[in-house]
């Protein structure tokens, strides 16, 4: 971050300051790389965000979970959507649209999420992860 010449002090009205939503994620950040995320996280820190949505790499969570329930790789790849549809998938609106995604893509998202989480936590943020929302694959 660039150096700040003068001291700036602001007090937030609330102790919990959530940031981002699923649609904004897909409209803006679906294909961001580390440089984009680093800049965004720095902006969050400068603006007092302490509970950012952290859904990069959710494809791997679902992939691993479905494997534990003995879904086939074909069924799993048919469930996980392409990157442009992640938000709607995580909101329970669709499955598989724009997919399948490659294992390389999934692995790269896990690596990116690990860097994202490390930086968020370095700033004292508590990332907000996707919880189970009741959706299961049609297959």
N, C-alpha and C. Protein backbone atom coordinates (compact mmCIF):
# COMPACT_ATOMS: atom_id res chain seq x y z
N UNK A 1 0.83 -1.17 0.00
CA UNK A 1 0.00 0.00 0.00
C UNK A 1 0.89 1.24 0.00
N UNK A 2 0.42 2.30 -0.63
CA UNK A 2 1.20 3.53 -0.61
C UNK A 2 1.23 4.15 0.79
N UNK A 3 2.30 4.85 1.07
CA UNK A 3 2.44 5.50 2.37
C UNK A 3 1.41 6.62 2.52
N UNK A 4 0.90 6.78 3.72
CA UNK A 4 -0.04 7.85 4.03
C UNK A 4 0.73 8.94 4.77
N UNK A 5 0.64 10.17 4.29
CA UNK A 5 1.42 11.27 4.88
C UNK A 5 0.91 11.67 6.25
N UNK A 6 -0.38 11.80 6.40
CA UNK A 6 -0.97 12.22 7.66
C UNK A 6 -1.71 11.06 8.31
N UNK A 7 -1.89 11.16 9.60
CA UNK A 7 -2.66 10.16 10.33
C UNK A 7 -4.14 10.36 10.05
N UNK A 8 -4.80 9.28 9.72
CA UNK A 8 -6.24 9.31 9.49
C UNK A 8 -6.87 8.33 10.47
N UNK A 9 -7.84 8.79 11.22
CA UNK A 9 -8.52 7.91 12.17
C UNK A 9 -10.02 8.04 12.00
N UNK A 10 -10.67 6.93 11.76
CA UNK A 10 -12.12 6.88 11.64
C UNK A 10 -12.63 5.78 12.56
N UNK A 11 -13.81 5.95 13.09
CA UNK A 11 -14.41 4.94 13.95
C UNK A 11 -15.67 4.41 13.27
N UNK A 12 -15.74 3.10 13.14
CA UNK A 12 -16.91 2.48 12.51
C UNK A 12 -18.07 2.44 13.49
N UNK A 13 -19.26 2.57 12.95
CA UNK A 13 -20.47 2.54 13.79
C UNK A 13 -20.81 1.12 14.23
N UNK A 14 -20.30 0.11 13.52
CA UNK A 14 -20.64 -1.28 13.81
C UNK A 14 -19.37 -2.12 13.92
N UNK A 15 -19.40 -3.12 14.76
CA UNK A 15 -18.22 -3.96 14.95
C UNK A 15 -18.04 -4.98 13.83
N UNK A 16 -19.13 -5.39 13.19
CA UNK A 16 -19.07 -6.36 12.10
C UNK A 16 -19.39 -5.65 10.79
N UNK A 17 -18.44 -5.71 9.85
CA UNK A 17 -18.60 -4.99 8.59
C UNK A 17 -18.39 -5.96 7.42
N UNK A 18 -19.51 -6.49 6.95
CA UNK A 18 -19.54 -7.49 5.87
C UNK A 18 -19.32 -6.80 4.53
N UNK A 19 -18.71 -7.53 3.60
CA UNK A 19 -18.47 -6.97 2.27
C UNK A 19 -18.64 -8.03 1.19
N UNK A 20 -19.25 -7.63 0.11
CA UNK A 20 -19.41 -8.39 -1.12
C UNK A 20 -20.70 -9.19 -1.05
N UNK A 21 -21.19 -9.57 -2.21
CA UNK A 21 -22.31 -10.50 -2.29
C UNK A 21 -22.07 -11.39 -3.50
N UNK A 22 -22.87 -12.39 -3.64
CA UNK A 22 -22.62 -13.38 -4.69
C UNK A 22 -22.69 -12.79 -6.08
N UNK A 23 -23.69 -11.98 -6.35
CA UNK A 23 -23.83 -11.40 -7.69
C UNK A 23 -22.66 -10.47 -8.00
N UNK A 24 -22.30 -9.64 -7.04
CA UNK A 24 -21.16 -8.74 -7.25
C UNK A 24 -19.91 -9.55 -7.55
N UNK A 25 -19.73 -10.65 -6.85
CA UNK A 25 -18.58 -11.51 -7.10
C UNK A 25 -18.55 -11.92 -8.57
N UNK A 26 -19.67 -12.40 -9.10
CA UNK A 26 -19.67 -12.86 -10.48
C UNK A 26 -19.63 -11.74 -11.50
N UNK A 27 -20.23 -10.61 -11.19
CA UNK A 27 -20.18 -9.49 -12.13
C UNK A 27 -18.78 -8.89 -12.20
N UNK A 28 -17.99 -9.06 -11.15
CA UNK A 28 -16.73 -8.35 -11.05
C UNK A 28 -15.51 -9.27 -10.97
N UNK A 29 -15.56 -10.29 -10.16
CA UNK A 29 -14.34 -10.98 -9.74
C UNK A 29 -14.18 -12.42 -10.23
N UNK A 30 -15.03 -12.89 -11.10
CA UNK A 30 -14.97 -14.30 -11.52
C UNK A 30 -13.61 -14.73 -12.04
N UNK A 31 -12.95 -13.84 -12.74
CA UNK A 31 -11.69 -14.20 -13.39
C UNK A 31 -10.51 -13.41 -12.84
N UNK A 32 -10.66 -12.85 -11.65
CA UNK A 32 -9.56 -12.09 -11.06
C UNK A 32 -8.38 -13.00 -10.75
N UNK A 33 -7.19 -12.42 -10.86
CA UNK A 33 -5.98 -13.11 -10.46
C UNK A 33 -5.51 -12.53 -9.11
N UNK A 34 -4.34 -12.96 -8.67
CA UNK A 34 -3.86 -12.53 -7.36
C UNK A 34 -3.69 -11.01 -7.28
N UNK A 35 -3.18 -10.39 -8.34
CA UNK A 35 -2.99 -8.94 -8.31
C UNK A 35 -4.31 -8.21 -8.07
N UNK A 36 -5.37 -8.65 -8.73
CA UNK A 36 -6.69 -8.04 -8.51
C UNK A 36 -7.15 -8.23 -7.07
N UNK A 37 -7.01 -9.45 -6.56
CA UNK A 37 -7.46 -9.74 -5.20
C UNK A 37 -6.64 -8.99 -4.16
N UNK A 38 -5.36 -8.91 -4.38
CA UNK A 38 -4.51 -8.19 -3.43
C UNK A 38 -4.94 -6.72 -3.34
N UNK A 39 -5.20 -6.11 -4.47
CA UNK A 39 -5.67 -4.72 -4.49
C UNK A 39 -7.02 -4.59 -3.79
N UNK A 40 -7.92 -5.53 -4.04
CA UNK A 40 -9.26 -5.47 -3.43
C UNK A 40 -9.19 -5.67 -1.91
N UNK A 41 -8.36 -6.59 -1.48
CA UNK A 41 -8.22 -6.83 -0.05
C UNK A 41 -7.60 -5.62 0.64
N UNK A 42 -6.63 -4.99 0.00
CA UNK A 42 -6.06 -3.76 0.55
C UNK A 42 -7.13 -2.68 0.68
N UNK A 43 -7.98 -2.57 -0.33
CA UNK A 43 -9.09 -1.60 -0.29
C UNK A 43 -10.02 -1.94 0.88
N UNK A 44 -10.32 -3.24 1.05
CA UNK A 44 -11.18 -3.65 2.17
C UNK A 44 -10.56 -3.21 3.49
N UNK A 45 -9.27 -3.45 3.65
CA UNK A 45 -8.59 -3.10 4.90
C UNK A 45 -8.65 -1.59 5.13
N UNK A 46 -8.42 -0.83 4.09
CA UNK A 46 -8.46 0.63 4.22
C UNK A 46 -9.85 1.14 4.57
N UNK A 47 -10.86 0.37 4.25
CA UNK A 47 -12.24 0.78 4.50
C UNK A 47 -12.88 0.07 5.69
N UNK A 48 -12.08 -0.63 6.47
CA UNK A 48 -12.57 -1.21 7.71
C UNK A 48 -13.40 -2.47 7.57
N UNK A 49 -13.33 -3.12 6.43
CA UNK A 49 -14.07 -4.37 6.23
C UNK A 49 -13.42 -5.45 7.09
N UNK A 50 -14.23 -6.21 7.82
CA UNK A 50 -13.66 -7.29 8.63
C UNK A 50 -14.37 -8.63 8.43
N UNK A 51 -15.36 -8.67 7.54
CA UNK A 51 -16.06 -9.93 7.24
C UNK A 51 -16.32 -10.03 5.73
N UNK A 52 -15.27 -10.28 4.93
CA UNK A 52 -15.47 -10.37 3.49
C UNK A 52 -15.94 -11.76 3.05
N UNK A 53 -16.79 -11.78 2.05
CA UNK A 53 -17.22 -13.04 1.44
C UNK A 53 -16.00 -13.68 0.79
N UNK A 54 -15.82 -14.98 0.98
CA UNK A 54 -14.64 -15.69 0.47
C UNK A 54 -15.09 -16.98 -0.21
N UNK A 55 -15.51 -16.89 -1.46
CA UNK A 55 -16.05 -18.07 -2.14
C UNK A 55 -15.18 -18.60 -3.27
N UNK A 56 -14.00 -18.02 -3.48
CA UNK A 56 -13.09 -18.55 -4.49
C UNK A 56 -12.74 -19.98 -4.09
N UNK A 57 -12.77 -20.90 -5.03
CA UNK A 57 -12.37 -22.27 -4.75
C UNK A 57 -13.45 -23.17 -4.19
N UNK A 58 -14.68 -22.68 -4.13
CA UNK A 58 -15.78 -23.50 -3.60
C UNK A 58 -16.00 -24.74 -4.46
N UNK A 59 -15.58 -24.68 -5.71
CA UNK A 59 -15.69 -25.84 -6.58
C UNK A 59 -14.98 -27.06 -5.98
N UNK A 60 -13.82 -26.82 -5.39
CA UNK A 60 -13.05 -27.93 -4.80
C UNK A 60 -13.74 -28.49 -3.56
N UNK A 61 -14.39 -27.63 -2.80
CA UNK A 61 -15.12 -28.11 -1.61
C UNK A 61 -16.22 -29.06 -2.05
N UNK A 62 -16.98 -28.64 -3.05
CA UNK A 62 -18.06 -29.50 -3.55
C UNK A 62 -17.49 -30.78 -4.17
N UNK A 63 -16.44 -30.65 -4.94
CA UNK A 63 -15.83 -31.82 -5.57
C UNK A 63 -15.42 -32.84 -4.51
N UNK A 64 -14.74 -32.39 -3.49
CA UNK A 64 -14.29 -33.30 -2.43
C UNK A 64 -15.46 -33.89 -1.65
N UNK A 65 -16.46 -33.08 -1.38
CA UNK A 65 -17.64 -33.56 -0.65
C UNK A 65 -18.38 -34.63 -1.45
N UNK A 66 -18.60 -34.35 -2.73
CA UNK A 66 -19.34 -35.31 -3.56
C UNK A 66 -18.55 -36.60 -3.75
N UNK A 67 -17.23 -36.50 -3.82
CA UNK A 67 -16.42 -37.72 -3.89
C UNK A 67 -16.62 -38.58 -2.64
N UNK A 68 -16.73 -37.96 -1.49
CA UNK A 68 -16.95 -38.70 -0.25
C UNK A 68 -18.30 -39.41 -0.24
N UNK A 69 -19.24 -38.90 -1.03
CA UNK A 69 -20.56 -39.53 -1.14
C UNK A 69 -20.66 -40.44 -2.37
N UNK A 70 -19.51 -40.79 -2.93
CA UNK A 70 -19.39 -41.74 -4.04
C UNK A 70 -20.05 -41.29 -5.34
N UNK A 71 -20.10 -39.98 -5.57
CA UNK A 71 -20.53 -39.49 -6.88
C UNK A 71 -19.43 -39.78 -7.88
N UNK A 72 -19.80 -40.04 -9.11
CA UNK A 72 -18.80 -40.27 -10.15
C UNK A 72 -18.20 -38.93 -10.58
N UNK A 73 -17.04 -38.99 -11.21
CA UNK A 73 -16.40 -37.76 -11.71
C UNK A 73 -17.29 -37.08 -12.75
N UNK A 74 -18.00 -37.87 -13.54
CA UNK A 74 -18.92 -37.31 -14.53
C UNK A 74 -20.07 -36.56 -13.85
N UNK A 75 -20.61 -37.15 -12.80
CA UNK A 75 -21.70 -36.49 -12.05
C UNK A 75 -21.20 -35.19 -11.40
N UNK A 76 -20.00 -35.25 -10.86
CA UNK A 76 -19.43 -34.07 -10.20
C UNK A 76 -19.19 -32.97 -11.22
N UNK A 77 -18.57 -33.31 -12.34
CA UNK A 77 -18.29 -32.28 -13.35
C UNK A 77 -19.57 -31.73 -13.97
N UNK A 78 -20.62 -32.52 -13.96
CA UNK A 78 -21.91 -32.05 -14.46
C UNK A 78 -22.64 -31.14 -13.48
N UNK A 79 -22.20 -31.13 -12.24
CA UNK A 79 -22.81 -30.31 -11.20
C UNK A 79 -22.13 -28.95 -11.06
N UNK A 80 -20.81 -28.94 -11.15
CA UNK A 80 -20.04 -27.71 -10.96
C UNK A 80 -20.14 -26.85 -12.22
N UNK A 81 -20.54 -25.58 -12.08
CA UNK A 81 -20.70 -24.72 -13.26
C UNK A 81 -19.39 -24.07 -13.68
N UNK A 82 -19.45 -23.39 -14.81
CA UNK A 82 -18.33 -22.57 -15.24
C UNK A 82 -18.20 -21.34 -14.36
N UNK A 83 -17.06 -20.67 -14.41
CA UNK A 83 -16.78 -19.55 -13.52
C UNK A 83 -17.78 -18.40 -13.59
N UNK A 84 -18.37 -18.17 -14.72
CA UNK A 84 -19.31 -17.05 -14.86
C UNK A 84 -20.64 -17.31 -14.16
N UNK A 85 -20.86 -18.53 -13.69
CA UNK A 85 -22.14 -18.89 -13.07
C UNK A 85 -22.02 -19.31 -11.60
N UNK A 86 -20.85 -19.12 -11.03
CA UNK A 86 -20.62 -19.56 -9.65
C UNK A 86 -21.63 -18.98 -8.67
N UNK A 87 -21.92 -17.70 -8.79
CA UNK A 87 -22.84 -17.05 -7.84
C UNK A 87 -24.21 -17.72 -7.86
N UNK A 88 -24.72 -17.94 -9.04
CA UNK A 88 -26.08 -18.50 -9.14
C UNK A 88 -26.10 -19.96 -8.70
N UNK A 89 -25.01 -20.65 -8.90
CA UNK A 89 -24.87 -22.02 -8.40
C UNK A 89 -24.88 -22.02 -6.88
N UNK A 90 -24.10 -21.13 -6.28
CA UNK A 90 -24.02 -21.08 -4.81
C UNK A 90 -25.29 -20.53 -4.18
N UNK A 91 -26.13 -19.87 -4.96
CA UNK A 91 -27.43 -19.43 -4.46
C UNK A 91 -28.51 -20.47 -4.72
N UNK A 92 -28.12 -21.61 -5.31
CA UNK A 92 -29.05 -22.71 -5.51
C UNK A 92 -29.94 -22.58 -6.73
N UNK A 93 -29.53 -21.77 -7.70
CA UNK A 93 -30.37 -21.51 -8.87
C UNK A 93 -30.08 -22.41 -10.07
N UNK A 94 -28.93 -23.05 -10.10
CA UNK A 94 -28.57 -23.84 -11.27
C UNK A 94 -27.46 -24.81 -10.92
N UNK A 95 -27.17 -25.70 -11.83
CA UNK A 95 -26.01 -26.56 -11.71
C UNK A 95 -25.45 -26.86 -13.09
N UNK A 96 -24.15 -26.89 -13.19
CA UNK A 96 -23.47 -27.29 -14.41
C UNK A 96 -23.40 -26.27 -15.54
N UNK A 97 -24.10 -25.18 -15.47
CA UNK A 97 -24.11 -24.20 -16.57
C UNK A 97 -22.69 -23.70 -16.84
N UNK A 98 -22.34 -23.63 -18.12
CA UNK A 98 -21.04 -23.10 -18.49
C UNK A 98 -19.88 -24.01 -18.16
N UNK A 99 -20.16 -25.20 -17.71
CA UNK A 99 -19.11 -26.15 -17.35
C UNK A 99 -18.95 -27.20 -18.43
N UNK A 100 -18.19 -28.20 -18.22
CA UNK A 100 -17.44 -28.42 -16.99
C UNK A 100 -16.17 -27.57 -16.93
N UNK A 101 -15.63 -27.45 -15.73
CA UNK A 101 -14.35 -26.77 -15.56
C UNK A 101 -13.27 -27.83 -15.42
N UNK A 102 -12.07 -27.47 -15.78
CA UNK A 102 -10.97 -28.43 -15.71
C UNK A 102 -10.46 -28.59 -14.28
N UNK A 103 -9.79 -29.70 -14.05
CA UNK A 103 -9.17 -29.90 -12.73
C UNK A 103 -8.10 -28.84 -12.51
N UNK A 104 -7.45 -28.43 -13.56
CA UNK A 104 -6.44 -27.36 -13.45
C UNK A 104 -7.08 -26.07 -12.94
N UNK A 105 -8.28 -25.75 -13.45
CA UNK A 105 -8.99 -24.55 -12.98
C UNK A 105 -9.31 -24.67 -11.49
N UNK A 106 -9.86 -25.81 -11.10
CA UNK A 106 -10.22 -26.02 -9.70
C UNK A 106 -8.98 -25.89 -8.80
N UNK A 107 -7.90 -26.53 -9.19
CA UNK A 107 -6.66 -26.46 -8.40
C UNK A 107 -6.13 -25.03 -8.31
N UNK A 108 -6.22 -24.29 -9.41
CA UNK A 108 -5.72 -22.91 -9.41
C UNK A 108 -6.56 -22.03 -8.49
N UNK A 109 -7.86 -22.32 -8.41
CA UNK A 109 -8.74 -21.54 -7.52
C UNK A 109 -8.45 -21.83 -6.06
N UNK A 110 -8.11 -23.08 -5.76
CA UNK A 110 -7.73 -23.42 -4.38
C UNK A 110 -6.46 -22.67 -3.99
N UNK A 111 -5.47 -22.68 -4.87
CA UNK A 111 -4.21 -21.97 -4.58
C UNK A 111 -4.46 -20.47 -4.41
N UNK A 112 -5.30 -19.91 -5.26
CA UNK A 112 -5.63 -18.49 -5.15
C UNK A 112 -6.36 -18.19 -3.84
N UNK A 113 -7.32 -19.04 -3.49
CA UNK A 113 -8.07 -18.82 -2.25
C UNK A 113 -7.15 -18.88 -1.03
N UNK A 114 -6.18 -19.75 -1.05
CA UNK A 114 -5.25 -19.83 0.08
C UNK A 114 -4.50 -18.51 0.25
N UNK A 115 -4.09 -17.90 -0.86
CA UNK A 115 -3.41 -16.60 -0.78
C UNK A 115 -4.38 -15.51 -0.31
N UNK A 116 -5.59 -15.55 -0.83
CA UNK A 116 -6.61 -14.58 -0.44
C UNK A 116 -6.86 -14.65 1.07
N UNK A 117 -7.07 -15.85 1.57
CA UNK A 117 -7.35 -16.03 3.00
C UNK A 117 -6.18 -15.59 3.87
N UNK A 118 -4.99 -15.90 3.45
CA UNK A 118 -3.81 -15.50 4.21
C UNK A 118 -3.75 -13.98 4.33
N UNK A 119 -4.01 -13.28 3.23
CA UNK A 119 -3.96 -11.81 3.27
C UNK A 119 -5.13 -11.25 4.08
N UNK A 120 -6.32 -11.79 3.90
CA UNK A 120 -7.46 -11.31 4.70
C UNK A 120 -7.17 -11.46 6.18
N UNK A 121 -6.68 -12.61 6.57
CA UNK A 121 -6.41 -12.86 7.99
C UNK A 121 -5.27 -12.00 8.51
N UNK A 122 -4.30 -11.68 7.64
CA UNK A 122 -3.20 -10.80 8.05
C UNK A 122 -3.71 -9.43 8.45
N UNK A 123 -4.83 -9.02 7.87
CA UNK A 123 -5.46 -7.75 8.21
C UNK A 123 -6.51 -7.89 9.30
N UNK A 124 -6.61 -9.07 9.91
CA UNK A 124 -7.55 -9.28 11.00
C UNK A 124 -8.98 -9.53 10.55
N UNK A 125 -9.16 -9.84 9.28
CA UNK A 125 -10.50 -10.11 8.76
C UNK A 125 -10.92 -11.54 9.09
N UNK A 126 -12.22 -11.76 9.19
CA UNK A 126 -12.80 -13.09 9.38
C UNK A 126 -13.56 -13.43 8.10
N UNK A 127 -12.96 -14.18 7.19
CA UNK A 127 -13.63 -14.50 5.93
C UNK A 127 -14.95 -15.24 6.17
N UNK A 128 -15.91 -14.96 5.32
CA UNK A 128 -17.23 -15.60 5.38
C UNK A 128 -17.27 -16.64 4.27
N UNK A 129 -17.47 -17.91 4.66
CA UNK A 129 -17.48 -19.01 3.71
C UNK A 129 -18.91 -19.44 3.39
N UNK A 130 -19.04 -20.14 2.30
CA UNK A 130 -20.32 -20.71 1.89
C UNK A 130 -20.71 -21.82 2.86
N UNK A 131 -21.89 -21.78 3.36
CA UNK A 131 -22.42 -22.86 4.18
C UNK A 131 -23.32 -23.76 3.33
N UNK A 132 -23.75 -24.86 3.87
CA UNK A 132 -24.66 -25.74 3.13
C UNK A 132 -26.04 -25.11 3.10
N UNK A 133 -26.58 -24.98 1.93
CA UNK A 133 -27.85 -24.27 1.72
C UNK A 133 -28.97 -25.19 1.25
N UNK A 134 -28.74 -26.49 1.31
CA UNK A 134 -29.79 -27.45 1.00
C UNK A 134 -29.82 -27.97 -0.42
N UNK A 135 -28.93 -27.49 -1.27
CA UNK A 135 -28.92 -27.94 -2.66
C UNK A 135 -28.08 -29.20 -2.79
N UNK A 136 -28.59 -30.15 -3.56
CA UNK A 136 -27.84 -31.35 -3.89
C UNK A 136 -27.97 -31.57 -5.39
N UNK A 137 -27.02 -32.26 -6.00
CA UNK A 137 -27.09 -32.49 -7.44
C UNK A 137 -28.35 -33.26 -7.84
N UNK A 138 -28.87 -32.94 -9.01
CA UNK A 138 -30.05 -33.63 -9.55
C UNK A 138 -29.73 -35.10 -9.81
N UNK A 139 -28.51 -35.38 -10.26
CA UNK A 139 -28.15 -36.76 -10.61
C UNK A 139 -28.30 -37.64 -9.41
